[in-house]
């Protein structure tokens, strides 16, 4: 049995295959998932990694051994799995390691209607059951069947965002050899979009670049293609296509906070006075704009299970994260990079102004501050490094400190958050300030302490 402490994270399961996550563990996970959820059936999907089919097959053995049925949706994105869970009202399991390198794989679990399973909402219980051994089921085994949900997923998204009347757009999409290459053609079918595809061939070895668009180097091909083709917009999806990053018509990277603000404004137009959830790393512009539009901003910690839980508790219509995860009440409170992309395309293509503003101008009002982006530092002792940073800043005049999620330090015209990764031995820094000079000074001071530079 694998070392479960290594692979159970705050809101999913992830590890190197087979050293940390193997078929036996996946089978035990399937059995434990049925025991914890009480499910009579489970829907599964998987990404394009070579190890995904063996793992999802083993998981299904565990599910059926407990008397529950398995509905296999096959290849799909994580948000397609959430659609399947929501539309079928069944617990679900998505086998993917998202943006992690090819040697990794994992599983994202949800209860019926795509309700989250995190460390405080069932994941710890599943881990304990796997560790102690899942009791055998003395009854008739379940069955396995297949169901195509991709077309239903695509049609459902297009009922949530109407793009039928938009002006024709040229859109470059970089799928990074991930699941966007499978879902984008079906979702875009019939829309007034001229699609320029990059790396749509499914390949879990990621031969062109990592399917991790939060890293700027993985967006360079998309930026170049947008400029080369004179496109209106570029979209980049991660490996399991639940996150979407945006590049404007100049080939410049758009902050996910600006996308959060734009979608929030659109949702508040439909639901005046509603709550919008944002995590503590999104730009200060996001809660400012939500308030300006008559909405109520709700701050929460990073991570999809935390965002979903807060949205359910508050009835929020939308939630956004700095990592380009976007969550929608009318999508079972689940995250969908594709749905966020459709909102941006609708905003860009359905402007009353003539001529229509390019994306860079459309988003200018949502981008108010200078931001560092996420900067990773490999640190042997994350707690000690964060403690040194806290000691350096705490007590300064006008400085506030909170530890809702990692370390957040702020002043009137700047703030930063330093938090450990849930999946890698890294400290992640995000800093923001009123201007580039202040942001750079704060960023560099924190990095000097974390990386022990004199």
Protein backbone atom coordinates (compact mmCIF):
# COMPACT_ATOMS: atom_id res chain seq x y z
CA UNK A 1 0.00 0.00 0.00
CA UNK A 2 1.25 3.48 -0.85
CA UNK A 3 2.32 6.02 1.76
CA UNK A 4 -1.05 7.72 2.07
CA UNK A 5 0.38 10.75 3.87
CA UNK A 6 2.26 11.60 0.67
CA UNK A 7 -0.63 11.37 -1.74
CA UNK A 8 -3.62 12.70 0.22
CA UNK A 9 -3.66 16.48 -0.21
CA UNK A 10 -6.04 19.11 1.13
CA UNK A 11 -8.57 18.63 -1.66
CA UNK A 12 -7.46 15.74 -3.87
CA UNK A 13 -5.18 12.71 -4.13
CA UNK A 14 -2.01 12.97 -6.18
CA UNK A 15 1.32 11.20 -6.49
CA UNK A 16 3.96 9.55 -8.66
CA UNK A 17 2.76 6.38 -10.41
CA UNK A 18 3.37 3.63 -9.40
CA UNK A 19 5.79 4.52 -6.59
CA UNK A 20 3.24 6.57 -4.61
CA UNK A 21 -0.07 5.77 -6.30
CA UNK A 22 -0.68 2.32 -7.78
CA UNK A 23 -3.58 0.15 -8.94
CA UNK A 24 -4.03 -1.50 -5.53
CA UNK A 25 -4.39 1.90 -3.90
CA UNK A 26 -6.81 3.05 -6.59
CA UNK A 27 -8.93 -0.07 -6.04
CA UNK A 28 -9.01 0.56 -2.29
CA UNK A 29 -9.97 4.18 -2.96
CA UNK A 30 -12.93 3.04 -5.03
CA UNK A 31 -14.15 0.75 -2.27
CA UNK A 32 -13.66 3.39 0.44
CA UNK A 33 -15.40 6.04 -1.68
CA UNK A 34 -18.53 3.89 -1.87
CA UNK A 35 -18.45 3.22 1.87
CA UNK A 36 -18.08 6.90 2.77
CA UNK A 37 -20.62 8.26 0.27
CA UNK A 38 -23.11 5.39 0.46
CA UNK A 39 -23.33 5.57 -3.32
CA UNK A 40 -25.31 3.07 -5.35
CA UNK A 41 -23.48 4.24 -8.48
CA UNK A 42 -20.39 6.36 -9.30
CA UNK A 43 -19.50 8.20 -12.51
CA UNK A 44 -15.85 8.31 -13.60
CA UNK A 45 -13.77 10.13 -16.20
CA UNK A 46 -10.06 10.36 -16.92
CA UNK A 47 -7.46 12.42 -18.73
CA UNK A 48 -5.03 11.38 -21.47
CA UNK A 49 -2.13 10.16 -19.28
CA UNK A 50 -0.91 6.63 -19.99
CA UNK A 51 -1.55 5.65 -16.37
CA UNK A 52 -5.10 7.01 -16.21
CA UNK A 53 -6.94 4.04 -17.77
CA UNK A 54 -5.27 1.41 -15.51
CA UNK A 55 -6.01 3.52 -12.42
CA UNK A 56 -9.63 4.29 -13.28
CA UNK A 57 -10.16 0.60 -14.11
CA UNK A 58 -8.76 -0.42 -10.73
CA UNK A 59 -10.93 2.20 -9.01
CA UNK A 60 -13.99 0.73 -10.76
CA UNK A 61 -13.08 -2.73 -9.43
CA UNK A 62 -13.16 -1.31 -5.92
CA UNK A 63 -16.50 0.39 -6.51
CA UNK A 64 -18.20 -2.68 -7.99
CA UNK A 65 -16.76 -4.95 -5.31
CA UNK A 66 -18.81 -2.90 -2.83
CA UNK A 67 -22.01 -3.51 -4.79
CA UNK A 68 -22.17 -0.12 -6.53
CA UNK A 69 -22.35 0.46 -10.28
CA UNK A 70 -19.85 2.46 -12.34
CA UNK A 71 -20.78 4.74 -15.25
CA UNK A 72 -17.66 5.42 -17.28
CA UNK A 73 -17.66 8.74 -19.12
CA UNK A 74 -14.21 7.98 -20.56
CA UNK A 75 -11.90 10.74 -21.74
CA UNK A 76 -12.91 14.12 -20.42
CA UNK A 77 -12.03 17.30 -18.61
CA UNK A 78 -12.55 17.70 -14.89
CA UNK A 79 -15.43 20.09 -15.43
CA UNK A 80 -17.01 17.53 -17.77
CA UNK A 81 -16.89 15.08 -14.85
CA UNK A 82 -18.58 17.71 -12.66
CA UNK A 83 -21.27 18.09 -15.33
CA UNK A 84 -21.78 14.32 -15.29
CA UNK A 85 -21.97 14.27 -11.49
CA UNK A 86 -24.42 17.17 -11.47
CA UNK A 87 -26.67 16.07 -14.31
CA UNK A 88 -26.79 12.42 -13.17
CA UNK A 89 -26.87 13.35 -9.46
CA UNK A 90 -24.11 10.83 -8.71
CA UNK A 91 -20.78 10.94 -6.89
CA UNK A 92 -17.86 11.24 -9.29
CA UNK A 93 -14.16 10.51 -9.65
CA UNK A 94 -11.86 12.25 -12.13
CA UNK A 95 -8.47 10.64 -12.70
CA UNK A 96 -5.93 13.33 -13.50
CA UNK A 97 -2.87 15.05 -12.12
CA UNK A 98 -3.91 18.28 -13.79
CA UNK A 99 -0.79 20.31 -14.60
CA UNK A 100 1.74 18.02 -12.89
CA UNK A 101 4.46 16.28 -14.96
CA UNK A 102 3.78 13.00 -16.77
CA UNK A 103 5.02 10.76 -13.94
CA UNK A 104 2.17 11.95 -11.67
CA UNK A 105 -1.46 11.00 -11.56
CA UNK A 106 -4.29 11.46 -9.09
CA UNK A 107 -8.00 11.61 -8.47
CA UNK A 108 -10.45 14.41 -7.74
CA UNK A 109 -13.56 13.18 -5.93
CA UNK A 110 -16.99 14.72 -5.53
CA UNK A 111 -20.29 13.73 -4.02
CA UNK A 112 -23.56 13.76 -5.96
CA UNK A 113 -24.31 17.10 -7.67
CA UNK A 114 -20.55 17.82 -7.79
CA UNK A 115 -20.40 18.64 -4.08
CA UNK A 116 -16.76 18.83 -2.95
CA UNK A 117 -14.78 16.16 -1.18
CA UNK A 118 -11.86 17.69 0.69
CA UNK A 119 -9.89 16.92 3.83
CA UNK A 120 -12.73 18.20 6.04
CA UNK A 121 -15.57 16.84 3.89
CA UNK A 122 -14.80 13.16 3.45
CA UNK A 123 -11.24 12.85 2.16
CA UNK A 124 -9.73 12.23 5.60
CA UNK A 125 -12.40 9.60 6.27
CA UNK A 126 -11.59 7.88 2.96
CA UNK A 127 -7.88 7.90 3.82
CA UNK A 128 -8.53 6.34 7.24
CA UNK A 129 -10.66 3.62 5.68
CA UNK A 130 -8.05 2.80 3.03
CA UNK A 131 -5.37 2.69 5.73
CA UNK A 132 -7.34 0.38 8.02
CA UNK A 133 -8.66 -1.81 5.21
CA UNK A 134 -12.07 -1.54 3.58
CA UNK A 135 -14.43 -4.27 4.84
CA UNK A 136 -15.53 -6.77 2.21
CA UNK A 137 -19.05 -6.48 0.83
CA UNK A 138 -21.14 -9.63 1.05
CA UNK A 139 -23.55 -9.10 -1.81
CA UNK A 140 -23.95 -8.88 -5.58
CA UNK A 141 -21.14 -6.90 -7.27
CA UNK A 142 -22.02 -3.79 -9.22
CA UNK A 143 -21.81 -3.40 -12.99
CA UNK A 144 -19.79 -1.16 -15.32
CA UNK A 145 -21.37 0.70 -18.25
CA UNK A 146 -20.26 3.45 -20.62
CA UNK A 147 -21.98 6.76 -21.34
CA UNK A 148 -21.06 9.65 -23.62
CA UNK A 149 -21.53 12.93 -21.75
CA UNK A 150 -19.32 15.25 -23.85
CA UNK A 151 -22.11 16.46 -26.13
CA UNK A 152 -24.45 17.05 -23.19
CA UNK A 153 -21.71 18.95 -21.37
CA UNK A 154 -21.11 21.21 -24.38
CA UNK A 155 -24.80 21.94 -24.87
CA UNK A 156 -25.30 22.67 -21.19
CA UNK A 157 -22.49 25.25 -21.15
CA UNK A 158 -24.02 26.99 -24.15
CA UNK A 159 -27.33 27.31 -22.30
CA UNK A 160 -25.52 29.19 -19.53
CA UNK A 161 -23.76 31.71 -21.82
CA UNK A 162 -25.42 32.83 -25.06
CA UNK A 163 -22.88 33.38 -27.83
CA UNK A 164 -25.25 32.96 -30.76
CA UNK A 165 -25.40 36.69 -31.55
CA UNK A 166 -21.79 37.72 -31.00
CA UNK A 167 -19.58 39.11 -33.75
CA UNK A 168 -17.23 36.58 -35.33
CA UNK A 169 -14.03 36.14 -33.31
CA UNK A 170 -10.67 34.62 -34.15
CA UNK A 171 -9.61 32.55 -31.14
CA UNK A 172 -6.30 30.76 -30.60
CA UNK A 173 -6.51 27.90 -28.09
CA UNK A 174 -3.45 26.16 -26.62
CA UNK A 175 -4.57 22.84 -25.16
CA UNK A 176 -1.04 21.86 -24.13
CA UNK A 177 -1.73 18.30 -25.38
CA UNK A 178 -4.28 18.06 -22.59
CA UNK A 179 -8.01 17.56 -22.39
CA UNK A 180 -8.86 20.91 -23.94
CA UNK A 181 -7.94 19.31 -27.24
CA UNK A 182 -10.80 16.87 -26.67
CA UNK A 183 -13.47 19.24 -25.34
CA UNK A 184 -12.91 22.57 -27.14
CA UNK A 185 -13.92 21.38 -30.66
CA UNK A 186 -17.26 20.10 -29.35
CA UNK A 187 -17.99 23.17 -27.22
CA UNK A 188 -17.06 25.62 -30.01
CA UNK A 189 -19.00 23.72 -32.68
CA UNK A 190 -21.66 25.96 -34.22
CA UNK A 191 -20.36 29.16 -32.60
CA UNK A 192 -19.22 32.22 -34.61
CA UNK A 193 -15.58 31.42 -33.85
CA UNK A 194 -12.61 30.88 -36.15
CA UNK A 195 -10.53 28.47 -34.10
CA UNK A 196 -6.74 28.31 -34.36
CA UNK A 197 -5.73 25.15 -32.45
CA UNK A 198 -2.36 24.63 -30.76
CA UNK A 199 -1.31 21.22 -29.42
CA UNK A 200 -4.73 19.55 -29.55
CA UNK A 201 -3.18 16.08 -29.90
CA UNK A 202 -3.78 14.19 -26.64
CA UNK A 203 -0.39 13.25 -25.20
CA UNK A 204 0.23 12.76 -21.49
CA UNK A 205 3.99 13.17 -21.96
CA UNK A 206 3.39 16.86 -22.83
CA UNK A 207 5.90 17.01 -25.70
CA UNK A 208 5.53 20.73 -26.45
CA UNK A 209 5.38 22.32 -23.00
CA UNK A 210 3.95 21.59 -19.58
CA UNK A 211 0.17 21.92 -19.45
CA UNK A 212 0.51 24.48 -16.68
CA UNK A 213 -0.46 27.93 -17.96
CA UNK A 214 0.17 29.65 -14.64
CA UNK A 215 3.87 29.55 -15.64
CA UNK A 216 4.51 32.34 -18.17
CA UNK A 217 6.96 30.28 -20.24
CA UNK A 218 4.14 27.86 -21.06
CA UNK A 219 2.17 30.70 -22.67
CA UNK A 220 4.85 31.86 -25.10
CA UNK A 221 3.61 29.78 -28.05
CA UNK A 222 0.07 31.04 -27.48
CA UNK A 223 1.24 34.65 -27.29
CA UNK A 224 3.20 34.27 -30.54
CA UNK A 225 0.27 32.60 -32.31
CA UNK A 226 -2.17 35.34 -31.26
CA UNK A 227 0.14 37.96 -32.75
CA UNK A 228 0.89 35.91 -35.87
CA UNK A 229 -2.77 35.26 -36.69
CA UNK A 230 -4.07 38.67 -35.63
CA UNK A 231 -6.44 36.92 -33.24
CA UNK A 232 -8.93 38.62 -30.97
CA UNK A 233 -8.01 36.46 -27.98
CA UNK A 234 -5.94 33.48 -26.87
CA UNK A 235 -7.01 30.80 -24.39
CA UNK A 236 -4.75 28.31 -22.61
CA UNK A 237 -6.06 25.28 -20.70
CA UNK A 238 -4.21 23.14 -18.19
CA UNK A 239 -3.92 19.35 -18.45
CA UNK A 240 -7.42 18.50 -17.24
CA UNK A 241 -8.88 21.68 -18.78
CA UNK A 242 -10.56 22.94 -15.64
CA UNK A 243 -8.44 26.11 -15.64
CA UNK A 244 -8.28 28.70 -18.38
CA UNK A 245 -5.77 31.52 -18.84
CA UNK A 246 -6.37 34.38 -21.26
CA UNK A 247 -4.07 36.31 -23.59
CA UNK A 248 -5.28 39.56 -25.15
CA UNK A 249 -5.05 40.65 -28.80
CA UNK A 250 -1.54 42.07 -28.22
CA UNK A 251 -0.32 38.72 -26.93
CA UNK A 252 -0.19 40.04 -23.36
CA UNK A 253 -1.13 37.74 -20.46
CA UNK A 254 -4.35 38.74 -18.69
CA UNK A 255 -4.50 38.47 -14.91
CA UNK A 256 -7.00 35.86 -13.70
CA UNK A 257 -8.14 38.51 -11.23
CA UNK A 258 -9.24 40.68 -14.14
CA UNK A 259 -11.21 37.74 -15.53
CA UNK A 260 -12.74 37.18 -12.08
CA UNK A 261 -13.83 40.83 -11.99
CA UNK A 262 -15.26 40.73 -15.52
CA UNK A 263 -17.29 37.56 -14.90
CA UNK A 264 -18.40 38.92 -11.50
CA UNK A 265 -19.80 42.04 -13.18
CA UNK A 266 -21.67 39.86 -15.71
CA UNK A 267 -23.11 37.64 -12.97
CA UNK A 268 -24.11 40.62 -10.82
CA UNK A 269 -25.97 42.08 -13.80
CA UNK A 270 -28.11 38.92 -13.78
CA UNK A 271 -28.26 38.62 -9.98
CA UNK A 272 -28.15 42.11 -8.41
CA UNK A 273 -26.79 42.25 -4.87
CA UNK A 274 -25.49 38.68 -4.96
CA UNK A 275 -22.41 37.38 -3.14
CA UNK A 276 -19.18 36.67 -5.05
CA UNK A 277 -16.43 34.55 -3.52
CA UNK A 278 -12.75 35.34 -4.11
CA UNK A 279 -9.72 33.75 -2.54
CA UNK A 280 -7.21 35.72 -0.54
CA UNK A 281 -4.70 35.90 -3.40
CA UNK A 282 -6.95 37.65 -5.91
CA UNK A 283 -6.30 41.31 -6.58
CA UNK A 284 -7.72 43.94 -4.24
CA UNK A 285 -9.48 45.21 -7.36
CA UNK A 286 -11.86 42.22 -7.23
CA UNK A 287 -13.64 43.03 -3.94
CA UNK A 288 -13.55 46.74 -4.84
CA UNK A 289 -15.35 46.12 -8.14
CA UNK A 290 -17.83 43.70 -6.57
CA UNK A 291 -18.81 46.37 -4.04
CA UNK A 292 -18.99 49.05 -6.75
CA UNK A 293 -21.43 46.81 -8.65
CA UNK A 294 -23.63 46.37 -5.57
CA UNK A 295 -22.46 42.85 -4.75
CA UNK A 296 -21.03 41.34 -1.57
CA UNK A 297 -17.43 40.05 -1.74
CA UNK A 298 -16.63 36.99 0.39
CA UNK A 299 -12.96 36.21 1.06
CA UNK A 300 -11.84 32.62 1.49
CA UNK A 301 -8.74 30.46 1.48
CA UNK A 302 -7.21 28.88 -1.63
CA UNK A 303 -8.50 25.55 -2.93
CA UNK A 304 -11.51 24.28 -4.82
CA UNK A 305 -13.17 22.43 -1.93
CA UNK A 306 -12.96 25.55 0.26
CA UNK A 307 -14.34 27.83 -2.46
CA UNK A 308 -17.21 25.44 -3.25
CA UNK A 309 -18.11 25.04 0.41
CA UNK A 310 -18.13 28.82 0.98
CA UNK A 311 -20.22 29.37 -2.14
CA UNK A 312 -22.76 26.79 -0.98
CA UNK A 313 -22.91 28.34 2.50
CA UNK A 314 -23.38 31.89 1.19
CA UNK A 315 -25.37 31.13 -1.96
CA UNK A 316 -22.76 33.00 -3.99
CA UNK A 317 -23.40 33.11 -7.74
CA UNK A 318 -19.72 33.04 -8.72
CA UNK A 319 -16.24 32.51 -7.33
CA UNK A 320 -12.76 33.14 -8.71
CA UNK A 321 -9.22 32.17 -7.79
CA UNK A 322 -5.84 33.62 -8.75
CA UNK A 323 -4.94 30.26 -10.31
CA UNK A 324 -7.68 30.66 -12.96
CA UNK A 325 -10.22 28.38 -11.34
CA UNK A 326 -13.68 29.88 -11.80
CA UNK A 327 -16.81 28.56 -10.03
CA UNK A 328 -20.47 28.99 -10.93
CA UNK A 329 -23.64 28.49 -8.89
CA UNK A 330 -25.53 27.45 -12.01
CA UNK A 331 -22.85 24.81 -12.68
CA UNK A 332 -23.45 23.04 -9.35
CA UNK A 333 -21.05 25.46 -7.62
CA UNK A 334 -18.24 23.68 -9.51
CA UNK A 335 -15.34 25.17 -11.41
CA UNK A 336 -15.18 25.36 -15.18
CA UNK A 337 -12.44 27.07 -17.14
CA UNK A 338 -14.47 26.51 -20.28
CA UNK A 339 -17.49 28.32 -18.86
CA UNK A 340 -15.30 31.25 -17.82
CA UNK A 341 -13.83 31.35 -21.33
CA UNK A 342 -17.34 31.49 -22.82
CA UNK A 343 -18.15 34.46 -20.56
CA UNK A 344 -15.06 36.31 -21.79
CA UNK A 345 -15.88 35.52 -25.43
CA UNK A 346 -19.44 36.74 -24.90
CA UNK A 347 -18.25 39.99 -23.31
CA UNK A 348 -15.76 40.54 -26.11
CA UNK A 349 -18.11 39.64 -28.95
CA UNK A 350 -21.31 41.29 -27.76
CA UNK A 351 -20.29 44.90 -27.11
CA UNK A 352 -22.80 47.66 -27.84
CA UNK A 353 -19.94 49.99 -28.80
CA UNK A 354 -19.02 50.45 -32.44
CA UNK A 355 -16.32 49.73 -33.26
CA UNK A 356 -15.96 47.07 -30.56
CA UNK A 357 -13.12 47.54 -28.11
CA UNK A 358 -10.28 45.01 -28.21
CA UNK A 359 -9.87 42.78 -25.18
CA UNK A 360 -7.03 44.86 -23.71
CA UNK A 361 -9.28 47.94 -23.57
CA UNK A 362 -12.29 45.97 -22.36
CA UNK A 363 -10.29 44.68 -19.38
CA UNK A 364 -8.43 47.88 -18.52
CA UNK A 365 -11.00 48.94 -15.92
CA UNK A 366 -10.55 45.64 -14.07
CA UNK A 367 -6.74 45.77 -13.82
CA UNK A 368 -5.88 48.41 -11.20
CA UNK A 369 -2.73 47.28 -9.40
CA UNK A 370 0.79 45.99 -10.05
CA UNK A 371 1.09 42.27 -9.30
CA UNK A 372 4.03 39.91 -9.09
CA UNK A 373 2.20 36.84 -10.31
CA UNK A 374 2.84 33.61 -8.43
CA UNK A 375 6.54 33.04 -7.66
CA UNK A 376 7.65 29.63 -6.40
CA UNK A 377 10.63 28.95 -4.17
CA UNK A 378 11.81 25.45 -3.28
CA UNK A 379 12.35 25.47 0.48
CA UNK A 380 13.39 22.60 2.72
CA UNK A 381 11.57 23.94 5.79
CA UNK A 382 8.51 25.89 4.66
CA UNK A 383 7.31 26.68 8.19
CA UNK A 384 10.64 28.10 9.28
CA UNK A 385 11.00 30.24 6.16
CA UNK A 386 7.50 31.68 6.56
CA UNK A 387 8.24 32.35 10.24
CA UNK A 388 11.27 34.42 9.31
CA UNK A 389 9.19 36.48 6.91
CA UNK A 390 6.53 37.02 9.56
CA UNK A 391 9.12 38.16 12.09
CA UNK A 392 10.59 40.62 9.58
CA UNK A 393 7.25 42.34 8.84
CA UNK A 394 5.08 41.97 11.95
CA UNK A 395 5.09 45.03 14.16
CA UNK A 396 5.91 47.53 11.43
CA UNK A 397 3.65 50.61 11.57
CA UNK A 398 0.43 50.16 9.60
CA UNK A 399 1.13 46.51 8.78
CA UNK A 400 -1.48 43.80 9.32
CA UNK A 401 -0.88 40.04 9.49
CA UNK A 402 -3.34 37.18 9.12
CA UNK A 403 -2.90 33.43 8.75
CA UNK A 404 -6.17 32.31 7.18
CA UNK A 405 -4.17 30.49 4.52
CA UNK A 406 -0.42 30.71 4.82
CA UNK A 407 0.85 34.16 5.74
CA UNK A 408 -0.84 37.31 4.44
CA UNK A 409 0.84 40.63 5.26
CA UNK A 410 -0.62 43.96 4.15
CA UNK A 411 -0.40 47.72 4.37
CA UNK A 412 -2.36 50.57 2.81
CA UNK A 413 -0.76 50.32 -0.63
CA UNK A 414 0.64 46.77 -0.77
CA UNK A 415 0.10 43.21 0.39
CA UNK A 416 1.62 39.79 -0.09
CA UNK A 417 0.69 36.18 0.65
CA UNK A 418 3.19 33.39 1.26
CA UNK A 419 1.75 29.89 1.41
CA UNK A 420 3.02 26.32 1.04
CA UNK A 421 2.00 24.31 -2.00
CA UNK A 422 -0.43 21.47 -1.33
CA UNK A 423 1.23 19.27 -3.96
CA UNK A 424 4.95 20.19 -4.10
CA UNK A 425 7.78 21.23 -1.70
CA UNK A 426 7.37 24.91 -2.55
CA UNK A 427 6.48 28.23 -1.00
CA UNK A 428 4.29 30.34 -3.28
CA UNK A 429 4.55 34.14 -3.14
CA UNK A 430 1.96 36.56 -4.52
CA UNK A 431 2.52 40.29 -4.04
CA UNK A 432 0.54 43.32 -5.15
CA UNK A 433 0.94 47.06 -4.74
CA UNK A 434 -0.31 50.40 -6.01
CA UNK A 435 2.64 50.70 -8.41
CA UNK A 436 5.42 48.61 -9.94
CA UNK A 437 8.17 50.09 -7.77
CA UNK A 438 6.45 49.31 -4.47
CA UNK A 439 5.48 45.82 -5.64
CA UNK A 440 9.05 45.04 -6.70
CA UNK A 441 10.45 46.23 -3.38
CA UNK A 442 8.04 44.09 -1.35
CA UNK A 443 8.54 41.08 -3.63
CA UNK A 444 12.31 41.27 -3.49
CA UNK A 445 12.44 41.69 0.29
CA UNK A 446 10.29 38.60 0.85
CA UNK A 447 12.21 36.49 -1.67
CA UNK A 448 15.53 37.50 -0.10
CA UNK A 449 14.35 36.11 3.25
CA UNK A 450 12.78 32.96 1.80
CA UNK A 451 15.79 32.15 -0.35
CA UNK A 452 18.25 33.25 2.37
CA UNK A 453 20.00 35.83 0.26
CA UNK A 454 22.14 38.40 2.01
